[in-house]
Every structure is written in C-alpha cells, then in structure tokens.
Amino acid sequence: MTISMYEASAPRFVNLLRNLSAILAKAEAHADARKIAPEVLLSARLFPDMFPLSRQVQIACDHAKGAVGRLAGIEVPSFTDTEQSFAELQERIARTIAFVESVDAARVNDSETRDIALSIGGQQMQFQGMQYLLGFALPNFHFHLVTAYNILRHNGVDIGKRDFIGTP
C-alpha cells in the first residue's frame, strides 16, 4: 500500500492545526484562571533569540497552507501577521484549515516531482515536491508547532503529549 502526497500532507496539517487550536484554548483558559494578561503568554519565548508564541503559530500556519498550495500548484493565500490575541490566532488557524481543506486532493497527488521554488530570507531554494514536503515543509511546520507547545508548557499551561498528538 502506498501513501499519496495528499494524505501525507493536507490531513496531517489539519489534524495538528486542530490540536494547536485546542492547546491555545487551554492557554487562554490558563491565563484567565490565573489572572495572567494574555499578552504575557502571546509574547513568551523559549529563548531571547527565538520568536514569541504568536509568531510560532503564524509560521506554523504559513507552512501548512504554503505546502499544500505549492504542491497543488495554486496560489498560496497571504495572511498579514497582525494577530495580537488568542481569538485572532484561532481565526488564523481556522482560515488556514479552511484553505487546506478546500484544495482538491487530485491537485496535490502526483506532485512528487513538481518543481517548487521559493525564497527564504532572500535565499532562493529549489525543490521537487517530495523533497519539499518531507525535507522542508513538514519539518518546519513541526518545529514551530512544537515550539509553540513548549512555550506554553514552560509557562505552566496544563498540556501534555496527548494534547499535541490528539487523535489521528
């Protein structure tokens, strides 16, 4: 049995974005119950040179929608990075999920050898679809997702591995 490019991407992104949404809901409840200003958690970082929680969520969403859009060969929607509240981050996650779910599986399947070019930090990068998904998009998505989780866990939010993994 083989796995399709669609199955290896879109449903995986959606599942983990839903888990991220649930984790953010727990973080907001945590802040409310302990009278912590939401901005404290939203601006929290693991290390001074790392992005804060809000940016980690934005980038995770960007990698999910970017990967599915690029693999499908369609334009990737651009979201402004202006979220400053849990509600706004939840809306970004919802828009990302809506986009990913709107992409037809047939457009993503058979994209293993599709040429994908992008610019990161002014550096041009060239990939073929499979290499892009497995070696760039998924690792970056997971990195920012895990970092968001770790920021919240480090700040006392009662979350664990089951919250991160969720249900398949």
N, C-alpha and C. Protein backbone atom coordinates (compact mmCIF):
# COMPACT_ATOMS: atom_id res chain seq x y z
N MET A 1 0.85 -1.18 0.00
CA MET A 1 0.00 0.00 0.00
C MET A 1 0.89 1.24 0.00
N THR A 2 0.52 2.21 -0.76
CA THR A 2 1.28 3.46 -0.82
C THR A 2 0.48 4.58 -0.19
N ILE A 3 1.19 5.63 0.16
CA ILE A 3 0.54 6.82 0.70
C ILE A 3 0.67 7.92 -0.35
N SER A 4 -0.39 8.65 -0.53
CA SER A 4 -0.39 9.71 -1.54
C SER A 4 0.20 10.99 -0.97
N MET A 5 0.61 11.86 -1.85
CA MET A 5 1.13 13.16 -1.42
C MET A 5 0.06 13.93 -0.65
N TYR A 6 -1.18 13.80 -1.08
CA TYR A 6 -2.26 14.48 -0.36
C TYR A 6 -2.38 13.94 1.06
N GLU A 7 -2.46 12.62 1.19
CA GLU A 7 -2.61 12.01 2.52
C GLU A 7 -1.41 12.31 3.43
N ALA A 8 -0.24 12.48 2.85
CA ALA A 8 0.96 12.78 3.64
C ALA A 8 1.01 14.25 4.04
N SER A 9 0.13 15.05 3.49
CA SER A 9 0.21 16.49 3.76
C SER A 9 -1.08 17.06 4.35
N ALA A 10 -2.06 17.32 3.55
CA ALA A 10 -3.23 18.08 3.98
C ALA A 10 -3.90 17.55 5.26
N PRO A 11 -4.29 16.28 5.33
CA PRO A 11 -4.95 15.82 6.56
C PRO A 11 -4.03 15.89 7.78
N ARG A 12 -2.73 15.69 7.58
CA ARG A 12 -1.79 15.77 8.70
C ARG A 12 -1.71 17.21 9.23
N PHE A 13 -1.62 18.18 8.30
CA PHE A 13 -1.60 19.58 8.71
C PHE A 13 -2.88 19.94 9.46
N VAL A 14 -4.01 19.55 8.91
CA VAL A 14 -5.30 19.89 9.52
C VAL A 14 -5.41 19.30 10.92
N ASN A 15 -5.06 18.03 11.07
CA ASN A 15 -5.14 17.39 12.38
C ASN A 15 -4.31 18.13 13.42
N LEU A 16 -3.09 18.45 13.07
CA LEU A 16 -2.21 19.11 14.04
C LEU A 16 -2.59 20.57 14.26
N LEU A 17 -3.14 21.22 13.26
CA LEU A 17 -3.64 22.60 13.47
C LEU A 17 -4.84 22.60 14.41
N ARG A 18 -5.68 21.59 14.30
CA ARG A 18 -6.81 21.48 15.25
C ARG A 18 -6.29 21.25 16.67
N ASN A 19 -5.24 20.46 16.79
CA ASN A 19 -4.64 20.26 18.11
C ASN A 19 -4.05 21.56 18.64
N LEU A 20 -3.40 22.31 17.76
CA LEU A 20 -2.85 23.61 18.16
C LEU A 20 -3.96 24.54 18.63
N SER A 21 -5.07 24.52 17.94
CA SER A 21 -6.22 25.34 18.34
C SER A 21 -6.69 24.96 19.74
N ALA A 22 -6.78 23.68 20.02
CA ALA A 22 -7.20 23.20 21.34
C ALA A 22 -6.18 23.60 22.41
N ILE A 23 -4.91 23.52 22.07
CA ILE A 23 -3.85 23.92 23.01
C ILE A 23 -3.94 25.42 23.31
N LEU A 24 -4.19 26.22 22.29
CA LEU A 24 -4.34 27.67 22.51
C LEU A 24 -5.56 27.97 23.38
N ALA A 25 -6.63 27.20 23.21
CA ALA A 25 -7.82 27.38 24.06
C ALA A 25 -7.47 27.10 25.52
N LYS A 26 -6.68 26.05 25.75
CA LYS A 26 -6.25 25.75 27.12
C LYS A 26 -5.35 26.86 27.66
N ALA A 27 -4.51 27.42 26.80
CA ALA A 27 -3.62 28.51 27.23
C ALA A 27 -4.43 29.74 27.61
N GLU A 28 -5.45 30.04 26.83
CA GLU A 28 -6.29 31.20 27.14
C GLU A 28 -7.03 30.99 28.45
N ALA A 29 -7.55 29.79 28.67
CA ALA A 29 -8.23 29.47 29.93
C ALA A 29 -7.26 29.55 31.10
N HIS A 30 -6.05 29.08 30.89
CA HIS A 30 -5.00 29.14 31.91
C HIS A 30 -4.72 30.59 32.30
N ALA A 31 -4.55 31.44 31.31
CA ALA A 31 -4.28 32.86 31.57
C ALA A 31 -5.45 33.50 32.31
N ASP A 32 -6.65 33.19 31.89
CA ASP A 32 -7.84 33.77 32.52
C ASP A 32 -7.97 33.31 33.98
N ALA A 33 -7.79 32.03 34.22
CA ALA A 33 -7.93 31.47 35.58
C ALA A 33 -6.88 32.01 36.53
N ARG A 34 -5.70 32.33 36.02
CA ARG A 34 -4.61 32.79 36.88
C ARG A 34 -4.39 34.30 36.80
N LYS A 35 -5.32 34.97 36.14
CA LYS A 35 -5.26 36.43 36.01
C LYS A 35 -3.95 36.89 35.37
N ILE A 36 -3.53 36.15 34.35
CA ILE A 36 -2.33 36.50 33.58
C ILE A 36 -2.80 37.22 32.33
N ALA A 37 -2.24 38.37 32.06
CA ALA A 37 -2.60 39.08 30.84
C ALA A 37 -2.27 38.20 29.64
N PRO A 38 -3.20 38.03 28.71
CA PRO A 38 -2.95 37.16 27.55
C PRO A 38 -1.67 37.53 26.81
N GLU A 39 -1.35 38.82 26.77
CA GLU A 39 -0.14 39.27 26.05
C GLU A 39 1.12 38.63 26.62
N VAL A 40 1.09 38.29 27.90
CA VAL A 40 2.26 37.68 28.53
C VAL A 40 2.56 36.34 27.84
N LEU A 41 1.53 35.53 27.67
CA LEU A 41 1.74 34.24 27.00
C LEU A 41 2.00 34.42 25.51
N LEU A 42 1.27 35.32 24.88
CA LEU A 42 1.41 35.52 23.43
C LEU A 42 2.79 36.04 23.05
N SER A 43 3.44 36.73 23.96
CA SER A 43 4.77 37.27 23.68
C SER A 43 5.89 36.43 24.30
N ALA A 44 5.52 35.33 24.95
CA ALA A 44 6.52 34.48 25.60
C ALA A 44 7.40 33.79 24.57
N ARG A 45 8.67 33.61 24.94
CA ARG A 45 9.66 32.95 24.09
C ARG A 45 10.38 31.90 24.92
N LEU A 46 10.95 30.91 24.24
CA LEU A 46 11.79 29.94 24.95
C LEU A 46 13.16 30.52 25.22
N PHE A 47 13.68 31.26 24.26
CA PHE A 47 14.99 31.89 24.36
C PHE A 47 14.88 33.28 23.75
N PRO A 48 15.71 34.22 24.19
CA PRO A 48 15.59 35.59 23.69
C PRO A 48 15.69 35.72 22.17
N ASP A 49 16.43 34.84 21.51
CA ASP A 49 16.60 34.98 20.06
C ASP A 49 15.57 34.18 19.26
N MET A 50 14.55 33.63 19.93
CA MET A 50 13.51 32.87 19.24
C MET A 50 12.25 33.72 19.15
N PHE A 51 11.41 33.40 18.17
CA PHE A 51 10.15 34.11 18.01
C PHE A 51 9.21 33.82 19.17
N PRO A 52 8.31 34.76 19.48
CA PRO A 52 7.32 34.54 20.53
C PRO A 52 6.22 33.58 20.06
N LEU A 53 5.39 33.19 21.00
CA LEU A 53 4.30 32.26 20.73
C LEU A 53 3.47 32.68 19.53
N SER A 54 3.04 33.93 19.49
CA SER A 54 2.17 34.36 18.39
C SER A 54 2.82 34.14 17.03
N ARG A 55 4.10 34.42 16.92
CA ARG A 55 4.80 34.24 15.64
C ARG A 55 4.98 32.75 15.32
N GLN A 56 5.19 31.92 16.34
CA GLN A 56 5.30 30.48 16.11
C GLN A 56 4.01 29.95 15.48
N VAL A 57 2.88 30.41 15.97
CA VAL A 57 1.58 29.98 15.43
C VAL A 57 1.44 30.47 13.99
N GLN A 58 1.79 31.72 13.75
CA GLN A 58 1.69 32.28 12.39
C GLN A 58 2.54 31.47 11.40
N ILE A 59 3.75 31.17 11.79
CA ILE A 59 4.66 30.45 10.89
C ILE A 59 4.18 29.01 10.66
N ALA A 60 3.68 28.36 11.70
CA ALA A 60 3.14 27.01 11.52
C ALA A 60 2.01 27.04 10.50
N CYS A 61 1.13 28.01 10.61
CA CYS A 61 0.04 28.15 9.64
C CYS A 61 0.58 28.41 8.24
N ASP A 62 1.59 29.27 8.15
CA ASP A 62 2.18 29.58 6.84
C ASP A 62 2.76 28.34 6.18
N HIS A 63 3.42 27.49 6.94
CA HIS A 63 3.99 26.27 6.36
C HIS A 63 2.90 25.30 5.91
N ALA A 64 1.82 25.21 6.66
CA ALA A 64 0.73 24.30 6.27
C ALA A 64 0.07 24.76 4.97
N LYS A 65 -0.33 26.02 4.92
CA LYS A 65 -1.01 26.50 3.70
C LYS A 65 -0.03 26.60 2.54
N GLY A 66 1.21 26.95 2.83
CA GLY A 66 2.21 27.05 1.78
C GLY A 66 2.50 25.71 1.15
N ALA A 67 2.64 24.70 1.97
CA ALA A 67 2.95 23.37 1.45
C ALA A 67 1.84 22.85 0.57
N VAL A 68 0.62 22.90 1.05
CA VAL A 68 -0.49 22.35 0.28
C VAL A 68 -0.70 23.16 -1.00
N GLY A 69 -0.62 24.48 -0.90
CA GLY A 69 -0.78 25.31 -2.09
C GLY A 69 0.30 25.07 -3.13
N ARG A 70 1.54 25.02 -2.69
CA ARG A 70 2.65 24.79 -3.63
C ARG A 70 2.59 23.40 -4.26
N LEU A 71 2.27 22.39 -3.45
CA LEU A 71 2.16 21.04 -4.01
C LEU A 71 1.02 20.96 -5.02
N ALA A 72 -0.05 21.70 -4.78
CA ALA A 72 -1.18 21.71 -5.70
C ALA A 72 -0.93 22.59 -6.92
N GLY A 73 0.12 23.40 -6.86
CA GLY A 73 0.40 24.30 -7.97
C GLY A 73 -0.56 25.47 -8.05
N ILE A 74 -1.07 25.89 -6.89
CA ILE A 74 -2.00 27.02 -6.86
C ILE A 74 -1.43 28.13 -5.99
N GLU A 75 -2.00 29.30 -6.12
CA GLU A 75 -1.54 30.44 -5.34
C GLU A 75 -1.81 30.22 -3.86
N VAL A 76 -0.81 30.52 -3.06
CA VAL A 76 -0.92 30.39 -1.61
C VAL A 76 -1.48 31.70 -1.07
N PRO A 77 -2.57 31.65 -0.29
CA PRO A 77 -3.12 32.89 0.24
C PRO A 77 -2.13 33.56 1.20
N SER A 78 -2.13 34.87 1.18
CA SER A 78 -1.25 35.64 2.05
C SER A 78 -2.05 36.15 3.24
N PHE A 79 -1.56 35.90 4.43
CA PHE A 79 -2.20 36.41 5.65
C PHE A 79 -1.26 37.44 6.25
N THR A 80 -1.81 38.56 6.70
CA THR A 80 -0.99 39.54 7.39
C THR A 80 -0.65 38.99 8.78
N ASP A 81 0.49 39.32 9.27
CA ASP A 81 0.95 38.81 10.57
C ASP A 81 0.66 39.85 11.66
N THR A 82 -0.63 40.08 11.90
CA THR A 82 -1.03 41.13 12.84
C THR A 82 -1.77 40.60 14.06
N GLU A 83 -1.86 39.29 14.21
CA GLU A 83 -2.61 38.72 15.33
C GLU A 83 -1.99 39.11 16.67
N GLN A 84 -2.85 39.61 17.56
CA GLN A 84 -2.38 40.03 18.88
C GLN A 84 -3.22 39.46 20.01
N SER A 85 -4.08 38.51 19.70
CA SER A 85 -4.92 37.92 20.74
C SER A 85 -5.10 36.43 20.43
N PHE A 86 -5.56 35.70 21.43
CA PHE A 86 -5.85 34.29 21.20
C PHE A 86 -6.95 34.14 20.15
N ALA A 87 -7.96 35.00 20.21
CA ALA A 87 -9.06 34.93 19.24
C ALA A 87 -8.55 35.13 17.81
N GLU A 88 -7.65 36.07 17.64
CA GLU A 88 -7.10 36.32 16.30
C GLU A 88 -6.25 35.15 15.81
N LEU A 89 -5.49 34.54 16.71
CA LEU A 89 -4.71 33.36 16.32
C LEU A 89 -5.64 32.20 15.97
N GLN A 90 -6.71 32.05 16.73
CA GLN A 90 -7.69 30.99 16.42
C GLN A 90 -8.30 31.22 15.04
N GLU A 91 -8.57 32.48 14.71
CA GLU A 91 -9.11 32.79 13.39
C GLU A 91 -8.11 32.45 12.29
N ARG A 92 -6.84 32.73 12.53
CA ARG A 92 -5.81 32.40 11.54
C ARG A 92 -5.73 30.89 11.33
N ILE A 93 -5.78 30.15 12.41
CA ILE A 93 -5.77 28.69 12.29
C ILE A 93 -6.99 28.23 11.50
N ALA A 94 -8.15 28.78 11.81
CA ALA A 94 -9.38 28.39 11.11
C ALA A 94 -9.29 28.72 9.61
N ARG A 95 -8.75 29.88 9.26
CA ARG A 95 -8.59 30.24 7.84
C ARG A 95 -7.60 29.30 7.15
N THR A 96 -6.55 28.92 7.87
CA THR A 96 -5.57 28.00 7.31
C THR A 96 -6.20 26.64 7.05
N ILE A 97 -6.93 26.14 8.03
CA ILE A 97 -7.61 24.85 7.86
C ILE A 97 -8.59 24.92 6.70
N ALA A 98 -9.36 26.00 6.62
CA ALA A 98 -10.33 26.15 5.53
C ALA A 98 -9.64 26.11 4.17
N PHE A 99 -8.50 26.79 4.05
CA PHE A 99 -7.78 26.77 2.78
C PHE A 99 -7.28 25.36 2.47
N VAL A 100 -6.61 24.73 3.43
CA VAL A 100 -6.05 23.40 3.20
C VAL A 100 -7.15 22.42 2.80
N GLU A 101 -8.29 22.48 3.49
CA GLU A 101 -9.39 21.57 3.17
C GLU A 101 -10.06 21.89 1.84
N SER A 102 -9.88 23.11 1.35
CA SER A 102 -10.50 23.49 0.08
C SER A 102 -9.73 22.97 -1.14
N VAL A 103 -8.49 22.55 -0.92
CA VAL A 103 -7.65 22.11 -2.03
C VAL A 103 -8.00 20.67 -2.38
N ASP A 104 -8.31 20.46 -3.65
CA ASP A 104 -8.69 19.14 -4.14
C ASP A 104 -7.49 18.19 -4.07
N ALA A 105 -7.73 17.02 -3.53
CA ALA A 105 -6.67 16.02 -3.39
C ALA A 105 -6.00 15.71 -4.72
N ALA A 106 -6.77 15.71 -5.79
CA ALA A 106 -6.21 15.40 -7.11
C ALA A 106 -5.15 16.42 -7.54
N ARG A 107 -5.25 17.64 -7.04
CA ARG A 107 -4.26 18.66 -7.39
C ARG A 107 -2.95 18.43 -6.66
N VAL A 108 -3.01 17.81 -5.49
CA VAL A 108 -1.81 17.57 -4.69
C VAL A 108 -1.15 16.24 -5.06
N ASN A 109 -1.98 15.25 -5.34
CA ASN A 109 -1.43 13.93 -5.69
C ASN A 109 -0.59 14.02 -6.95
N ASP A 110 0.38 13.18 -7.03
CA ASP A 110 1.32 13.14 -8.15
C ASP A 110 2.18 14.40 -8.25
N SER A 111 2.38 15.06 -7.12
CA SER A 111 3.23 16.27 -7.10
C SER A 111 4.65 15.95 -6.65
N GLU A 112 4.99 14.68 -6.56
CA GLU A 112 6.30 14.27 -6.06
C GLU A 112 7.46 14.92 -6.80
N THR A 113 7.29 15.14 -8.10
CA THR A 113 8.38 15.71 -8.90
C THR A 113 8.08 17.14 -9.36
N ARG A 114 7.01 17.74 -8.86
CA ARG A 114 6.68 19.12 -9.23
C ARG A 114 7.81 20.03 -8.76
N ASP A 115 8.26 20.92 -9.62
CA ASP A 115 9.29 21.89 -9.26
C ASP A 115 8.69 22.96 -8.35
N ILE A 116 9.34 23.19 -7.24
CA ILE A 116 8.89 24.19 -6.28
C ILE A 116 10.06 25.11 -5.98
N ALA A 117 9.83 26.39 -6.18
CA ALA A 117 10.86 27.40 -5.91
C ALA A 117 10.29 28.40 -4.92
N LEU A 118 11.10 28.76 -3.94
CA LEU A 118 10.69 29.79 -3.00
C LEU A 118 11.92 30.53 -2.49
N SER A 119 11.65 31.67 -1.92
CA SER A 119 12.72 32.49 -1.37
C SER A 119 12.53 32.57 0.14
N ILE A 120 13.56 32.21 0.87
CA ILE A 120 13.54 32.26 2.33
C ILE A 120 14.68 33.16 2.77
N GLY A 121 14.34 34.26 3.42
CA GLY A 121 15.38 35.19 3.88
C GLY A 121 16.26 35.68 2.75
N GLY A 122 15.67 35.86 1.57
CA GLY A 122 16.43 36.33 0.43
C GLY A 122 17.20 35.25 -0.30
N GLN A 123 17.17 34.04 0.21
CA GLN A 123 17.87 32.92 -0.42
C GLN A 123 16.87 32.11 -1.25
N GLN A 124 17.20 31.91 -2.52
CA GLN A 124 16.36 31.12 -3.41
C GLN A 124 16.56 29.64 -3.11
N MET A 125 15.45 28.92 -3.01
CA MET A 125 15.51 27.49 -2.75
C MET A 125 14.71 26.77 -3.84
N GLN A 126 15.25 25.65 -4.30
CA GLN A 126 14.61 24.84 -5.34
C GLN A 126 14.40 23.43 -4.80
N PHE A 127 13.22 22.92 -5.02
CA PHE A 127 12.88 21.57 -4.56
C PHE A 127 12.05 20.86 -5.62
N GLN A 128 11.95 19.56 -5.47
CA GLN A 128 10.90 18.81 -6.12
C GLN A 128 9.90 18.47 -5.01
N GLY A 129 8.67 18.21 -5.39
CA GLY A 129 7.58 18.08 -4.44
C GLY A 129 7.83 17.21 -3.23
N MET A 130 8.28 15.99 -3.45
CA MET A 130 8.51 15.07 -2.33
C MET A 130 9.59 15.60 -1.41
N GLN A 131 10.67 16.07 -1.98
CA GLN A 131 11.78 16.64 -1.20
C GLN A 131 11.29 17.85 -0.41
N TYR A 132 10.50 18.69 -1.03
CA TYR A 132 9.95 19.87 -0.36
C TYR A 132 9.07 19.48 0.82
N LEU A 133 8.14 18.55 0.59
CA LEU A 133 7.22 18.16 1.66
C LEU A 133 7.96 17.50 2.82
N LEU A 134 8.74 16.47 2.52
CA LEU A 134 9.36 15.68 3.58
C LEU A 134 10.60 16.33 4.19
N GLY A 135 11.33 17.10 3.41
CA GLY A 135 12.58 17.67 3.90
C GLY A 135 12.53 19.12 4.30
N PHE A 136 11.44 19.80 3.99
CA PHE A 136 11.36 21.23 4.31
C PHE A 136 10.04 21.62 4.99
N ALA A 137 8.93 21.40 4.31
CA ALA A 137 7.64 21.88 4.82
C ALA A 137 7.23 21.19 6.12
N LEU A 138 7.21 19.86 6.13
CA LEU A 138 6.82 19.16 7.36
C LEU A 138 7.77 19.43 8.53
N PRO A 139 9.09 19.36 8.33
CA PRO A 139 9.97 19.65 9.47
C PRO A 139 9.80 21.07 10.01
N ASN A 140 9.64 22.05 9.13
CA ASN A 140 9.44 23.42 9.59
C ASN A 140 8.11 23.58 10.32
N PHE A 141 7.06 22.99 9.77
CA PHE A 141 5.75 23.02 10.42
C PHE A 141 5.84 22.43 11.82
N HIS A 142 6.44 21.24 11.93
CA HIS A 142 6.55 20.59 13.24
C HIS A 142 7.43 21.41 14.20
N PHE A 143 8.49 21.99 13.70
CA PHE A 143 9.36 22.79 14.56
C PHE A 143 8.58 23.92 15.22
N HIS A 144 7.81 24.67 14.45
CA HIS A 144 7.08 25.82 15.01
C HIS A 144 5.91 25.37 15.87
N LEU A 145 5.29 24.26 15.51
CA LEU A 145 4.23 23.70 16.33
C LEU A 145 4.76 23.25 17.69
N VAL A 146 5.86 22.53 17.67
CA VAL A 146 6.48 22.05 18.92
C VAL A 146 6.96 23.23 19.76
N THR A 147 7.50 24.24 19.11
CA THR A 147 7.98 25.40 19.85
C THR A 147 6.82 26.11 20.53
N ALA A 148 5.70 26.27 19.84
CA ALA A 148 4.52 26.88 20.46
C ALA A 148 4.07 26.04 21.67
N TYR A 149 4.01 24.74 21.49
CA TYR A 149 3.65 23.84 22.59
C TYR A 149 4.61 24.02 23.77
N ASN A 150 5.90 24.03 23.48
CA ASN A 150 6.91 24.13 24.55
C ASN A 150 6.85 25.47 25.27
N ILE A 151 6.58 26.53 24.56
CA ILE A 151 6.44 27.84 25.20
C ILE A 151 5.30 27.77 26.22
N LEU A 152 4.18 27.21 25.82
CA LEU A 152 3.03 27.14 26.72
C LEU A 152 3.28 26.18 27.88
N ARG A 153 3.87 25.05 27.59
CA ARG A 153 4.19 24.09 28.65
C ARG A 153 5.16 24.71 29.66
N HIS A 154 6.17 25.40 29.15
CA HIS A 154 7.15 26.06 30.00
C HIS A 154 6.51 27.12 30.90
N ASN A 155 5.42 27.71 30.42
CA ASN A 155 4.73 28.75 31.17
C ASN A 155 3.59 28.22 32.02
N GLY A 156 3.58 26.91 32.23
CA GLY A 156 2.65 26.33 33.19
C GLY A 156 1.30 25.90 32.67
N VAL A 157 1.07 26.00 31.38
CA VAL A 157 -0.21 25.55 30.84
C VAL A 157 -0.26 24.04 30.96
N ASP A 158 -1.36 23.53 31.47
CA ASP A 158 -1.52 22.10 31.72
C ASP A 158 -1.84 21.36 30.42
N ILE A 159 -0.79 21.09 29.66
CA ILE A 159 -0.92 20.34 28.41
C ILE A 159 0.12 19.23 28.42
N GLY A 160 -0.14 18.22 27.64
CA GLY A 160 0.78 17.09 27.56
C GLY A 160 0.84 16.53 26.16
N LYS A 161 1.50 15.42 26.04
CA LYS A 161 1.72 14.79 24.75
C LYS A 161 0.41 14.50 24.03
N ARG A 162 -0.61 14.07 24.75
CA ARG A 162 -1.91 13.77 24.13
C ARG A 162 -2.53 15.02 23.52
N ASP A 163 -2.29 16.17 24.14
CA ASP A 163 -2.80 17.42 23.57
C ASP A 163 -2.11 17.71 22.24
N PHE A 164 -0.82 17.45 22.20
CA PHE A 164 -0.05 17.72 20.99
C PHE A 164 -0.43 16.75 19.87
N ILE A 165 -0.47 15.48 20.18
CA ILE A 165 -0.75 14.45 19.17
C ILE A 165 -2.23 14.40 18.82
N GLY A 166 -3.09 14.56 19.82
CA GLY A 166 -4.53 14.49 19.57
C GLY A 166 -4.94 13.12 19.12
N THR A 167 -5.99 13.07 18.34
CA THR A 167 -6.47 11.80 17.79
C THR A 167 -6.26 11.82 16.29
N PRO A 168 -5.74 10.75 15.73
CA PRO A 168 -5.47 10.71 14.29
C PRO A 168 -6.70 10.85 13.43
